[in-house]
Amino acid sequence: MNIYLGRVPFGTKKQDIKDFLNPTLRGHLLQKSGNIDHVKIFIFENEQTNKKEYHGIIGITPDHVATRVQKKLGEFNLKIKLMSLCNFFLSPWFNNQRSLPVSNDFYAVKSFHKDF
């Protein structure tokens, strides 16, 4: 399962994120442990203000461990900055509900739902 990591502090390395998440990935007597498959950090730059934002996507297997990590660390501090975790859903371009034209007809517009 992919988990979105928002508001990553500047200078955070992939190993810092892995080290922070490893205690929550470990299982207990009745819980299985999980693994981090990949950590990707993306940089988005606002061209008008020249400000950069850092976000990440973390791949954790199995899925029930990823949901456990998400519930345990919904919002947490890393390097004195509040970060958030939520599910990341990859949607194809042809199913993008945000590109629908605006209409007054109730049945013509489908609702767009994000699970945060």
PDB file of N, CA and C in Angstrom:
ATOM      1  N   MET A   1       0.851  -1.161   0.000  1.00  0.00           N
ATOM      2  CA  MET A   1       0.000   0.000   0.000  1.00  0.00           C
ATOM      3  C   MET A   1       0.899   1.226   0.000  1.00  0.00           C
ATOM      4  N   ASN A   2       0.526   2.206  -0.791  1.00  0.00           N
ATOM      5  CA  ASN A   2       1.256   3.459  -0.820  1.00  0.00           C
ATOM      6  C   ASN A   2       0.633   4.445   0.157  1.00  0.00           C
ATOM      7  N   ILE A   3       1.481   5.134   0.892  1.00  0.00           N
ATOM      8  CA  ILE A   3       1.037   6.134   1.857  1.00  0.00           C
ATOM      9  C   ILE A   3       1.652   7.470   1.475  1.00  0.00           C
ATOM     10  N   TYR A   4       0.821   8.495   1.447  1.00  0.00           N
ATOM     11  CA  TYR A   4       1.268   9.846   1.123  1.00  0.00           C
ATOM     12  C   TYR A   4       1.825  10.498   2.384  1.00  0.00           C
ATOM     13  N   LEU A   5       2.959  11.130   2.251  1.00  0.00           N
ATOM     14  CA  LEU A   5       3.619  11.809   3.356  1.00  0.00           C
ATOM     15  C   LEU A   5       3.692  13.292   3.004  1.00  0.00           C
ATOM     16  N   GLY A   6       2.928  14.094   3.700  1.00  0.00           N
ATOM     17  CA  GLY A   6       2.855  15.516   3.386  1.00  0.00           C
ATOM     18  C   GLY A   6       3.741  16.362   4.277  1.00  0.00           C
ATOM     19  N   ARG A   7       4.179  17.470   3.733  1.00  0.00           N
ATOM     20  CA  ARG A   7       4.965  18.483   4.444  1.00  0.00           C
ATOM     21  C   ARG A   7       6.282  17.922   4.991  1.00  0.00           C
ATOM     22  N   VAL A   8       7.071  17.328   4.118  1.00  0.00           N
ATOM     23  CA  VAL A   8       8.369  16.785   4.515  1.00  0.00           C
ATOM     24  C   VAL A   8       9.332  17.954   4.717  1.00  0.00           C
ATOM     25  N   PRO A   9      10.055  18.006   5.829  1.00  0.00           N
ATOM     26  CA  PRO A   9      11.003  19.104   6.058  1.00  0.00           C
ATOM     27  C   PRO A   9      12.178  19.069   5.076  1.00  0.00           C
ATOM     28  N   PHE A  10      12.721  20.233   4.772  1.00  0.00           N
ATOM     29  CA  PHE A  10      13.874  20.342   3.890  1.00  0.00           C
ATOM     30  C   PHE A  10      15.063  19.609   4.519  1.00  0.00           C
ATOM     31  N   GLY A  11      15.785  18.893   3.713  1.00  0.00           N
ATOM     32  CA  GLY A  11      16.966  18.189   4.194  1.00  0.00           C
ATOM     33  C   GLY A  11      16.690  16.806   4.753  1.00  0.00           C
ATOM     34  N   THR A  12      15.441  16.350   4.714  1.00  0.00           N
ATOM     35  CA  THR A  12      15.110  15.016   5.200  1.00  0.00           C
ATOM     36  C   THR A  12      15.560  13.985   4.174  1.00  0.00           C
ATOM     37  N   LYS A  13      16.263  12.973   4.620  1.00  0.00           N
ATOM     38  CA  LYS A  13      16.734  11.918   3.729  1.00  0.00           C
ATOM     39  C   LYS A  13      15.804  10.713   3.833  1.00  0.00           C
ATOM     40  N   LYS A  14      15.883   9.860   2.837  1.00  0.00           N
ATOM     41  CA  LYS A  14      15.049   8.655   2.831  1.00  0.00           C
ATOM     42  C   LYS A  14      15.339   7.783   4.046  1.00  0.00           C
ATOM     43  N   GLN A  15      16.583   7.722   4.441  1.00  0.00           N
ATOM     44  CA  GLN A  15      16.951   6.906   5.598  1.00  0.00           C
ATOM     45  C   GLN A  15      16.357   7.457   6.893  1.00  0.00           C
ATOM     46  N   ASP A  16      16.215   8.796   6.994  1.00  0.00           N
ATOM     47  CA  ASP A  16      15.573   9.397   8.169  1.00  0.00           C
ATOM     48  C   ASP A  16      14.126   8.932   8.300  1.00  0.00           C
ATOM     49  N   ILE A  17      13.423   8.887   7.175  1.00  0.00           N
ATOM     50  CA  ILE A  17      12.025   8.441   7.188  1.00  0.00           C
ATOM     51  C   ILE A  17      11.952   6.956   7.539  1.00  0.00           C
ATOM     52  N   LYS A  18      12.850   6.164   6.972  1.00  0.00           N
ATOM     53  CA  LYS A  18      12.857   4.723   7.272  1.00  0.00           C
ATOM     54  C   LYS A  18      13.160   4.473   8.747  1.00  0.00           C
ATOM     55  N   ASP A  19      14.135   5.196   9.287  1.00  0.00           N
ATOM     56  CA  ASP A  19      14.483   5.029  10.701  1.00  0.00           C
ATOM     57  C   ASP A  19      13.338   5.430  11.616  1.00  0.00           C
ATOM     58  N   PHE A  20      12.585   6.454  11.229  1.00  0.00           N
ATOM     59  CA  PHE A  20      11.466   6.907  12.047  1.00  0.00           C
ATOM     60  C   PHE A  20      10.310   5.911  12.013  1.00  0.00           C
ATOM     61  N   LEU A  21      10.064   5.279  10.847  1.00  0.00           N
ATOM     62  CA  LEU A  21       8.926   4.373  10.705  1.00  0.00           C
ATOM     63  C   LEU A  21       9.219   2.946  11.155  1.00  0.00           C
ATOM     64  N   ASN A  22      10.480   2.559  11.263  1.00  0.00           N
ATOM     65  CA  ASN A  22      10.822   1.180  11.622  1.00  0.00           C
ATOM     66  C   ASN A  22      10.227   0.698  12.943  1.00  0.00           C
ATOM     67  N   PRO A  23      10.188   1.496  14.025  1.00  0.00           N
ATOM     68  CA  PRO A  23       9.566   0.991  15.259  1.00  0.00           C
ATOM     69  C   PRO A  23       8.083   0.660  15.104  1.00  0.00           C
ATOM     70  N   THR A  24       7.365   1.387  14.262  1.00  0.00           N
ATOM     71  CA  THR A  24       5.938   1.089  14.070  1.00  0.00           C
ATOM     72  C   THR A  24       5.726  -0.082  13.124  1.00  0.00           C
ATOM     73  N   LEU A  25       6.742  -0.414  12.311  1.00  0.00           N
ATOM     74  CA  LEU A  25       6.621  -1.552  11.394  1.00  0.00           C
ATOM     75  C   LEU A  25       6.856  -2.880  12.084  1.00  0.00           C
ATOM     76  N   ARG A  26       7.562  -2.850  13.193  1.00  0.00           N
ATOM     77  CA  ARG A  26       7.836  -4.095  13.914  1.00  0.00           C
ATOM     78  C   ARG A  26       6.555  -4.669  14.488  1.00  0.00           C
ATOM     79  N   GLY A  27       6.434  -5.958  14.388  1.00  0.00           N
ATOM     80  CA  GLY A  27       5.254  -6.615  14.919  1.00  0.00           C
ATOM     81  C   GLY A  27       5.447  -6.999  16.376  1.00  0.00           C
ATOM     82  N   HIS A  28       4.367  -7.418  16.980  1.00  0.00           N
ATOM     83  CA  HIS A  28       4.387  -7.897  18.356  1.00  0.00           C
ATOM     84  C   HIS A  28       4.042  -9.383  18.343  1.00  0.00           C
ATOM     85  N   LEU A  29       3.625  -9.881  19.445  1.00  0.00           N
ATOM     86  CA  LEU A  29       3.323 -11.297  19.557  1.00  0.00           C
ATOM     87  C   LEU A  29       2.203 -11.709  18.604  1.00  0.00           C
ATOM     88  N   LEU A  30       1.159 -10.886  18.493  1.00  0.00           N
ATOM     89  CA  LEU A  30       0.016 -11.219  17.648  1.00  0.00           C
ATOM     90  C   LEU A  30      -0.049 -10.393  16.374  1.00  0.00           C
ATOM     91  N   GLN A  31       0.942  -9.544  16.129  1.00  0.00           N
ATOM     92  CA  GLN A  31       0.938  -8.700  14.939  1.00  0.00           C
ATOM     93  C   GLN A  31       2.138  -9.042  14.066  1.00  0.00           C
ATOM     94  N   LYS A  32       1.896  -9.055  12.765  1.00  0.00           N
ATOM     95  CA  LYS A  32       2.985  -9.318  11.835  1.00  0.00           C
ATOM     96  C   LYS A  32       3.778  -8.032  11.589  1.00  0.00           C
ATOM     97  N   SER A  33       5.047  -8.197  11.282  1.00  0.00           N
ATOM     98  CA  SER A  33       5.867  -7.035  10.968  1.00  0.00           C
ATOM     99  C   SER A  33       5.769  -6.734   9.482  1.00  0.00           C
ATOM    100  N   GLY A  34       6.119  -5.512   9.117  1.00  0.00           N
ATOM    101  CA  GLY A  34       6.037  -5.080   7.728  1.00  0.00           C
ATOM    102  C   GLY A  34       7.370  -4.578   7.217  1.00  0.00           C
ATOM    103  N   ASN A  35       7.399  -4.295   5.940  1.00  0.00           N
ATOM    104  CA  ASN A  35       8.601  -3.812   5.287  1.00  0.00           C
ATOM    105  C   ASN A  35       8.306  -2.550   4.499  1.00  0.00           C
ATOM    106  N   ILE A  36       9.310  -1.700   4.369  1.00  0.00           N
ATOM    107  CA  ILE A  36       9.213  -0.531   3.504  1.00  0.00           C
ATOM    108  C   ILE A  36       9.775  -0.930   2.153  1.00  0.00           C
ATOM    109  N   ASP A  37       8.930  -0.875   1.119  1.00  0.00           N
ATOM    110  CA  ASP A  37       9.366  -1.227  -0.225  1.00  0.00           C
ATOM    111  C   ASP A  37      10.141  -0.090  -0.879  1.00  0.00           C
ATOM    112  N   HIS A  38       9.589   1.103  -0.798  1.00  0.00           N
ATOM    113  CA  HIS A  38      10.239   2.254  -1.410  1.00  0.00           C
ATOM    114  C   HIS A  38       9.840   3.542  -0.703  1.00  0.00           C
ATOM    115  N   VAL A  39      10.713   4.523  -0.786  1.00  0.00           N
ATOM    116  CA  VAL A  39      10.453   5.877  -0.292  1.00  0.00           C
ATOM    117  C   VAL A  39      10.828   6.826  -1.413  1.00  0.00           C
ATOM    118  N   LYS A  40       9.874   7.634  -1.834  1.00  0.00           N
ATOM    119  CA  LYS A  40      10.128   8.618  -2.884  1.00  0.00           C
ATOM    120  C   LYS A  40       9.778  10.002  -2.343  1.00  0.00           C
ATOM    121  N   ILE A  41      10.672  10.945  -2.540  1.00  0.00           N
ATOM    122  CA  ILE A  41      10.443  12.326  -2.109  1.00  0.00           C
ATOM    123  C   ILE A  41      10.349  13.196  -3.355  1.00  0.00           C
ATOM    124  N   PHE A  42       9.275  13.979  -3.430  1.00  0.00           N
ATOM    125  CA  PHE A  42       9.029  14.842  -4.572  1.00  0.00           C
ATOM    126  C   PHE A  42       9.155  16.301  -4.162  1.00  0.00           C
ATOM    127  N   ILE A  43       9.665  17.115  -5.069  1.00  0.00           N
ATOM    128  CA  ILE A  43       9.811  18.550  -4.840  1.00  0.00           C
ATOM    129  C   ILE A  43       8.866  19.265  -5.804  1.00  0.00           C
ATOM    130  N   PHE A  44       7.981  20.088  -5.245  1.00  0.00           N
ATOM    131  CA  PHE A  44       7.091  20.913  -6.045  1.00  0.00           C
ATOM    132  C   PHE A  44       7.476  22.367  -5.826  1.00  0.00           C
ATOM    133  N   GLU A  45       7.728  23.076  -6.917  1.00  0.00           N
ATOM    134  CA  GLU A  45       8.149  24.471  -6.821  1.00  0.00           C
ATOM    135  C   GLU A  45       7.068  25.364  -7.395  1.00  0.00           C
ATOM    136  N   ASN A  46       6.677  26.380  -6.623  1.00  0.00           N
ATOM    137  CA  ASN A  46       5.740  27.382  -7.085  1.00  0.00           C
ATOM    138  C   ASN A  46       6.518  28.396  -7.908  1.00  0.00           C
ATOM    139  N   GLU A  47       6.186  28.523  -9.182  1.00  0.00           N
ATOM    140  CA  GLU A  47       6.944  29.392 -10.071  1.00  0.00           C
ATOM    141  C   GLU A  47       6.755  30.874  -9.743  1.00  0.00           C
ATOM    142  N   GLN A  48       5.626  31.238  -9.174  1.00  0.00           N
ATOM    143  CA  GLN A  48       5.370  32.644  -8.873  1.00  0.00           C
ATOM    144  C   GLN A  48       6.102  33.103  -7.622  1.00  0.00           C
ATOM    145  N   THR A  49       6.153  32.251  -6.602  1.00  0.00           N
ATOM    146  CA  THR A  49       6.780  32.649  -5.340  1.00  0.00           C
ATOM    147  C   THR A  49       8.150  32.021  -5.132  1.00  0.00           C
ATOM    148  N   ASN A  50       8.532  31.092  -5.998  1.00  0.00           N
ATOM    149  CA  ASN A  50       9.802  30.360  -5.894  1.00  0.00           C
ATOM    150  C   ASN A  50       9.938  29.593  -4.575  1.00  0.00           C
ATOM    151  N   LYS A  51       8.835  29.199  -3.984  1.00  0.00           N
ATOM    152  CA  LYS A  51       8.865  28.377  -2.774  1.00  0.00           C
ATOM    153  C   LYS A  51       8.775  26.914  -3.169  1.00  0.00           C
ATOM    154  N   LYS A  52       9.472  26.089  -2.426  1.00  0.00           N
ATOM    155  CA  LYS A  52       9.480  24.658  -2.692  1.00  0.00           C
ATOM    156  C   LYS A  52       8.763  23.909  -1.585  1.00  0.00           C
ATOM    157  N   GLU A  53       7.997  22.902  -1.975  1.00  0.00           N
ATOM    158  CA  GLU A  53       7.323  22.019  -1.031  1.00  0.00           C
ATOM    159  C   GLU A  53       7.828  20.605  -1.270  1.00  0.00           C
ATOM    160  N   TYR A  54       8.016  19.876  -0.196  1.00  0.00           N
ATOM    161  CA  TYR A  54       8.516  18.513  -0.278  1.00  0.00           C
ATOM    162  C   TYR A  54       7.433  17.563   0.220  1.00  0.00           C
ATOM    163  N   HIS A  55       7.138  16.552  -0.582  1.00  0.00           N
ATOM    164  CA  HIS A  55       6.152  15.535  -0.245  1.00  0.00           C
ATOM    165  C   HIS A  55       6.744  14.174  -0.573  1.00  0.00           C
ATOM    166  N   GLY A  56       6.203  13.141   0.020  1.00  0.00           N
ATOM    167  CA  GLY A  56       6.744  11.813  -0.231  1.00  0.00           C
ATOM    168  C   GLY A  56       5.674  10.760  -0.362  1.00  0.00           C
ATOM    169  N   ILE A  57       6.068   9.648  -0.949  1.00  0.00           N
ATOM    170  CA  ILE A  57       5.218   8.461  -1.056  1.00  0.00           C
ATOM    171  C   ILE A  57       6.026   7.282  -0.529  1.00  0.00           C
ATOM    172  N   ILE A  58       5.416   6.544   0.395  1.00  0.00           N
ATOM    173  CA  ILE A  58       6.078   5.411   1.027  1.00  0.00           C
ATOM    174  C   ILE A  58       5.296   4.150   0.686  1.00  0.00           C
ATOM    175  N   GLY A  59       5.979   3.144   0.211  1.00  0.00           N
ATOM    176  CA  GLY A  59       5.352   1.854  -0.077  1.00  0.00           C
ATOM    177  C   GLY A  59       5.619   0.893   1.067  1.00  0.00           C
ATOM    178  N   ILE A  60       4.554   0.409   1.703  1.00  0.00           N
ATOM    179  CA  ILE A  60       4.671  -0.497   2.847  1.00  0.00           C
ATOM    180  C   ILE A  60       3.888  -1.766   2.551  1.00  0.00           C
ATOM    181  N   THR A  61       4.506  -2.903   2.814  1.00  0.00           N
ATOM    182  CA  THR A  61       3.808  -4.182   2.663  1.00  0.00           C
ATOM    183  C   THR A  61       3.866  -4.923   3.982  1.00  0.00           C
ATOM    184  N   PRO A  62       2.900  -5.701   4.331  1.00  0.00           N
ATOM    185  CA  PRO A  62       1.567  -5.882   3.765  1.00  0.00           C
ATOM    186  C   PRO A  62       0.639  -4.707   4.088  1.00  0.00           C
ATOM    187  N   ASP A  63      -0.544  -4.733   3.486  1.00  0.00           N
ATOM    188  CA  ASP A  63      -1.473  -3.603   3.592  1.00  0.00           C
ATOM    189  C   ASP A  63      -1.957  -3.358   5.020  1.00  0.00           C
ATOM    190  N   HIS A  64      -2.187  -4.422   5.794  1.00  0.00           N
ATOM    191  CA  HIS A  64      -2.701  -4.213   7.156  1.00  0.00           C
ATOM    192  C   HIS A  64      -1.642  -3.542   8.039  1.00  0.00           C
ATOM    193  N   VAL A  65      -0.372  -3.735   7.750  1.00  0.00           N
ATOM    194  CA  VAL A  65       0.681  -3.037   8.494  1.00  0.00           C
ATOM    195  C   VAL A  65       0.687  -1.558   8.110  1.00  0.00           C
ATOM    196  N   ALA A  66       0.437  -1.272   6.835  1.00  0.00           N
ATOM    197  CA  ALA A  66       0.382   0.127   6.385  1.00  0.00           C
ATOM    198  C   ALA A  66      -0.769   0.873   7.053  1.00  0.00           C
ATOM    199  N   THR A  67      -1.917   0.230   7.193  1.00  0.00           N
ATOM    200  CA  THR A  67      -3.034   0.894   7.876  1.00  0.00           C
ATOM    201  C   THR A  67      -2.734   1.075   9.360  1.00  0.00           C
ATOM    202  N   ARG A  68      -2.012   0.131   9.963  1.00  0.00           N
ATOM    203  CA  ARG A  68      -1.622   0.275  11.363  1.00  0.00           C
ATOM    204  C   ARG A  68      -0.674   1.454  11.545  1.00  0.00           C
ATOM    205  N   VAL A  69       0.286   1.608  10.633  1.00  0.00           N
ATOM    206  CA  VAL A  69       1.221   2.738  10.692  1.00  0.00           C
ATOM    207  C   VAL A  69       0.474   4.046  10.514  1.00  0.00           C
ATOM    208  N   GLN A  70      -0.473   4.070   9.583  1.00  0.00           N
ATOM    209  CA  GLN A  70      -1.242   5.285   9.328  1.00  0.00           C
ATOM    210  C   GLN A  70      -2.086   5.681  10.531  1.00  0.00           C
ATOM    211  N   LYS A  71      -2.696   4.720  11.209  1.00  0.00           N
ATOM    212  CA  LYS A  71      -3.506   5.027  12.389  1.00  0.00           C
ATOM    213  C   LYS A  71      -2.636   5.489  13.552  1.00  0.00           C
ATOM    214  N   LYS A  72      -1.469   4.862  13.697  1.00  0.00           N
ATOM    215  CA  LYS A  72      -0.601   5.203  14.812  1.00  0.00           C
ATOM    216  C   LYS A  72       0.084   6.547  14.615  1.00  0.00           C
ATOM    217  N   LEU A  73       0.440   6.869  13.381  1.00  0.00           N
ATOM    218  CA  LEU A  73       1.172   8.098  13.088  1.00  0.00           C
ATOM    219  C   LEU A  73       0.380   8.985  12.134  1.00  0.00           C
ATOM    220  N   GLY A  74      -0.836   9.310  12.463  1.00  0.00           N
ATOM    221  CA  GLY A  74      -1.640  10.164  11.592  1.00  0.00           C
ATOM    222  C   GLY A  74      -0.968  11.495  11.333  1.00  0.00           C
ATOM    223  N   GLU A  75      -0.537  12.142  12.366  1.00  0.00           N
ATOM    224  CA  GLU A  75       0.270  13.354  12.270  1.00  0.00           C
ATOM    225  C   GLU A  75       1.400  13.210  13.274  1.00  0.00           C
ATOM    226  N   PHE A  76       2.605  13.519  12.854  1.00  0.00           N
ATOM    227  CA  PHE A  76       3.751  13.353  13.734  1.00  0.00           C
ATOM    228  C   PHE A  76       4.780  14.421  13.428  1.00  0.00           C
ATOM    229  N   ASN A  77       5.705  14.592  14.336  1.00  0.00           N
ATOM    230  CA  ASN A  77       6.772  15.571  14.175  1.00  0.00           C
ATOM    231  C   ASN A  77       8.060  14.876  13.762  1.00  0.00           C
ATOM    232  N   LEU A  78       8.684  15.416  12.746  1.00  0.00           N
ATOM    233  CA  LEU A  78       9.993  14.953  12.308  1.00  0.00           C
ATOM    234  C   LEU A  78      10.816  16.192  12.024  1.00  0.00           C
ATOM    235  N   LYS A  79      11.935  16.325  12.702  1.00  0.00           N
ATOM    236  CA  LYS A  79      12.788  17.518  12.594  1.00  0.00           C
ATOM    237  C   LYS A  79      11.994  18.782  12.909  1.00  0.00           C
ATOM    238  N   ILE A  80      11.194  18.736  13.954  1.00  0.00           N
ATOM    239  CA  ILE A  80      10.422  19.857  14.481  1.00  0.00           C
ATOM    240  C   ILE A  80       9.444  20.421  13.444  1.00  0.00           C
ATOM    241  N   LYS A  81       8.930  19.584  12.570  1.00  0.00           N
ATOM    242  CA  LYS A  81       7.905  20.013  11.624  1.00  0.00           C
ATOM    243  C   LYS A  81       6.804  18.969  11.607  1.00  0.00           C
ATOM    244  N   LEU A  82       5.557  19.422  11.665  1.00  0.00           N
ATOM    245  CA  LEU A  82       4.403  18.528  11.678  1.00  0.00           C
ATOM    246  C   LEU A  82       4.185  17.955  10.284  1.00  0.00           C
ATOM    247  N   MET A  83       4.158  16.642  10.188  1.00  0.00           N
ATOM    248  CA  MET A  83       3.916  15.964   8.919  1.00  0.00           C
ATOM    249  C   MET A  83       2.666  15.111   9.053  1.00  0.00           C
ATOM    250  N   SER A  84       2.068  14.757   7.932  1.00  0.00           N
ATOM    251  CA  SER A  84       0.843  13.961   7.968  1.00  0.00           C
ATOM    252  C   SER A  84       0.971  12.754   7.049  1.00  0.00           C
ATOM    253  N   LEU A  85       0.292  11.686   7.427  1.00  0.00           N
ATOM    254  CA  LEU A  85       0.230  10.460   6.628  1.00  0.00           C
ATOM    255  C   LEU A  85      -1.207  10.210   6.216  1.00  0.00           C
ATOM    256  N   CYS A  86      -1.421   9.808   4.970  1.00  0.00           N
ATOM    257  CA  CYS A  86      -2.754   9.397   4.534  1.00  0.00           C
ATOM    258  C   CYS A  86      -2.599   8.445   3.356  1.00  0.00           C
ATOM    259  N   ASN A  87      -3.678   7.756   3.011  1.00  0.00           N
ATOM    260  CA  ASN A  87      -3.644   6.817   1.888  1.00  0.00           C
ATOM    261  C   ASN A  87      -3.377   7.560   0.601  1.00  0.00           C
ATOM    262  N   PHE A  88      -2.658   6.915  -0.298  1.00  0.00           N
ATOM    263  CA  PHE A  88      -2.390   7.478  -1.615  1.00  0.00           C
ATOM    264  C   PHE A  88      -3.053   6.595  -2.645  1.00  0.00           C
ATOM    265  N   PHE A  89      -3.959   7.182  -3.422  1.00  0.00           N
ATOM    266  CA  PHE A  89      -4.665   6.442  -4.455  1.00  0.00           C
ATOM    267  C   PHE A  89      -4.221   6.951  -5.814  1.00  0.00           C
ATOM    268  N   LEU A  90      -3.792   6.054  -6.656  1.00  0.00           N
ATOM    269  CA  LEU A  90      -3.404   6.399  -8.012  1.00  0.00           C
ATOM    270  C   LEU A  90      -4.621   6.234  -8.896  1.00  0.00           C
ATOM    271  N   SER A  91      -5.071   7.332  -9.515  1.00  0.00           N
ATOM    272  CA  SER A  91      -6.251   7.260 -10.367  1.00  0.00           C
ATOM    273  C   SER A  91      -5.853   7.571 -11.802  1.00  0.00           C
ATOM    274  N   PRO A  92      -6.412   6.854 -12.762  1.00  0.00           N
ATOM    275  CA  PRO A  92      -6.075   7.105 -14.158  1.00  0.00           C
ATOM    276  C   PRO A  92      -6.649   8.431 -14.636  1.00  0.00           C
ATOM    277  N   TRP A  93      -6.061   8.990 -15.659  1.00  0.00           N
ATOM    278  CA  TRP A  93      -6.473  10.301 -16.148  1.00  0.00           C
ATOM    279  C   TRP A  93      -7.896  10.302 -16.672  1.00  0.00           C
ATOM    280  N   PHE A  94      -8.379   9.180 -17.235  1.00  0.00           N
ATOM    281  CA  PHE A  94      -9.726   9.154 -17.798  1.00  0.00           C
ATOM    282  C   PHE A  94     -10.801   9.058 -16.725  1.00  0.00           C
ATOM    283  N   ASN A  95     -10.421   8.788 -15.469  1.00  0.00           N
ATOM    284  CA  ASN A  95     -11.381   8.687 -14.387  1.00  0.00           C
ATOM    285  C   ASN A  95     -11.264   9.876 -13.441  1.00  0.00           C
ATOM    286  N   ASN A  96     -10.661  10.955 -13.880  1.00  0.00           N
ATOM    287  CA  ASN A  96     -10.453  12.124 -13.043  1.00  0.00           C
ATOM    288  C   ASN A  96     -11.743  12.934 -12.963  1.00  0.00           C
ATOM    289  N   GLN A  97     -12.356  12.943 -11.783  1.00  0.00           N
ATOM    290  CA  GLN A  97     -13.643  13.608 -11.611  1.00  0.00           C
ATOM    291  C   GLN A  97     -13.511  15.131 -11.596  1.00  0.00           C
ATOM    292  N   ARG A  98     -12.328  15.647 -11.351  1.00  0.00           N
ATOM    293  CA  ARG A  98     -12.152  17.099 -11.285  1.00  0.00           C
ATOM    294  C   ARG A  98     -12.228  17.758 -12.650  1.00  0.00           C
ATOM    295  N   SER A  99     -12.079  16.996 -13.721  1.00  0.00           N
ATOM    296  CA  SER A  99     -12.101  17.579 -15.056  1.00  0.00           C
ATOM    297  C   SER A  99     -13.504  17.617 -15.657  1.00  0.00           C
ATOM    298  N   LEU A 100     -14.517  17.203 -14.899  1.00  0.00           N
ATOM    299  CA  LEU A 100     -15.884  17.251 -15.409  1.00  0.00           C
ATOM    300  C   LEU A 100     -16.377  18.691 -15.493  1.00  0.00           C
ATOM    301  N   PRO A 101     -17.157  19.005 -16.505  1.00  0.00           N
ATOM    302  CA  PRO A 101     -17.706  20.365 -16.590  1.00  0.00           C
ATOM    303  C   PRO A 101     -18.739  20.602 -15.489  1.00  0.00           C
ATOM    304  N   VAL A 102     -18.858  21.851 -15.076  1.00  0.00           N
ATOM    305  CA  VAL A 102     -19.817  22.211 -14.024  1.00  0.00           C
ATOM    306  C   VAL A 102     -21.213  22.235 -14.624  1.00  0.00           C
ATOM    307  N   SER A 103     -22.166  21.621 -13.926  1.00  0.00           N
ATOM    308  CA  SER A 103     -23.530  21.538 -14.419  1.00  0.00           C
ATOM    309  C   SER A 103     -24.488  21.713 -13.253  1.00  0.00           C
ATOM    310  N   ASN A 104     -25.651  22.249 -13.544  1.00  0.00           N
ATOM    311  CA  ASN A 104     -26.684  22.384 -12.525  1.00  0.00           C
ATOM    312  C   ASN A 104     -27.481  21.105 -12.361  1.00  0.00           C
ATOM    313  N   ASP A 105     -27.355  20.180 -13.299  1.00  0.00           N
ATOM    314  CA  ASP A 105     -28.054  18.917 -13.233  1.00  0.00           C
ATOM    315  C   ASP A 105     -27.397  18.045 -12.156  1.00  0.00           C
ATOM    316  N   PHE A 106     -28.174  17.621 -11.167  1.00  0.00           N
ATOM    317  CA  PHE A 106     -27.649  16.866 -10.040  1.00  0.00           C
ATOM    318  C   PHE A 106     -27.038  15.544 -10.484  1.00  0.00           C
ATOM    319  N   TYR A 107     -27.647  14.879 -11.449  1.00  0.00           N
ATOM    320  CA  TYR A 107     -27.181  13.554 -11.862  1.00  0.00           C
ATOM    321  C   TYR A 107     -26.006  13.617 -12.829  1.00  0.00           C
ATOM    322  N   ALA A 108     -25.714  14.786 -13.372  1.00  0.00           N
ATOM    323  CA  ALA A 108     -24.620  14.895 -14.339  1.00  0.00           C
ATOM    324  C   ALA A 108     -23.263  14.975 -13.657  1.00  0.00           C
ATOM    325  N   VAL A 109     -23.230  15.441 -12.412  1.00  0.00           N
ATOM    326  CA  VAL A 109     -21.964  15.631 -11.719  1.00  0.00           C
ATOM    327  C   VAL A 109     -21.808  14.546 -10.671  1.00  0.00           C
ATOM    328  N   LYS A 110     -20.726  13.796 -10.764  1.00  0.00           N
ATOM    329  CA  LYS A 110     -20.435  12.766  -9.775  1.00  0.00           C
ATOM    330  C   LYS A 110     -19.565  13.381  -8.688  1.00  0.00           C
ATOM    331  N   SER A 111     -19.676  12.883  -7.510  1.00  0.00           N
ATOM    332  CA  SER A 111     -18.902  13.438  -6.400  1.00  0.00           C
ATOM    333  C   SER A 111     -17.481  12.890  -6.422  1.00  0.00           C
ATOM    334  N   PHE A 112     -16.549  13.717  -6.001  1.00  0.00           N
ATOM    335  CA  PHE A 112     -15.146  13.335  -5.906  1.00  0.00           C
ATOM    336  C   PHE A 112     -14.810  13.192  -4.442  1.00  0.00           C
ATOM    337  N   HIS A 113     -14.263  12.048  -4.052  1.00  0.00           N
ATOM    338  CA  HIS A 113     -14.025  11.765  -2.644  1.00  0.00           C
ATOM    339  C   HIS A 113     -12.557  11.466  -2.420  1.00  0.00           C
ATOM    340  N   LYS A 114     -11.972  12.134  -1.443  1.00  0.00           N
ATOM    341  CA  LYS A 114     -10.614  11.833  -0.995  1.00  0.00           C
ATOM    342  C   LYS A 114     -10.703  11.273   0.410  1.00  0.00           C
ATOM    343  N   ASP A 115      -9.929  10.253   0.688  1.00  0.00           N
ATOM    344  CA  ASP A 115      -9.924   9.637   2.006  1.00  0.00           C
ATOM    345  C   ASP A 115      -8.749  10.179   2.795  1.00  0.00           C
ATOM    346  N   PHE A 116      -8.995  11.237   3.598  1.00  0.00           N
ATOM    347  CA  PHE A 116      -7.928  11.843   4.413  1.00  0.00           C
ATOM    348  C   PHE A 116      -8.139  11.508   5.844  1.00  0.00           C
TER     349      PHE A 116
END
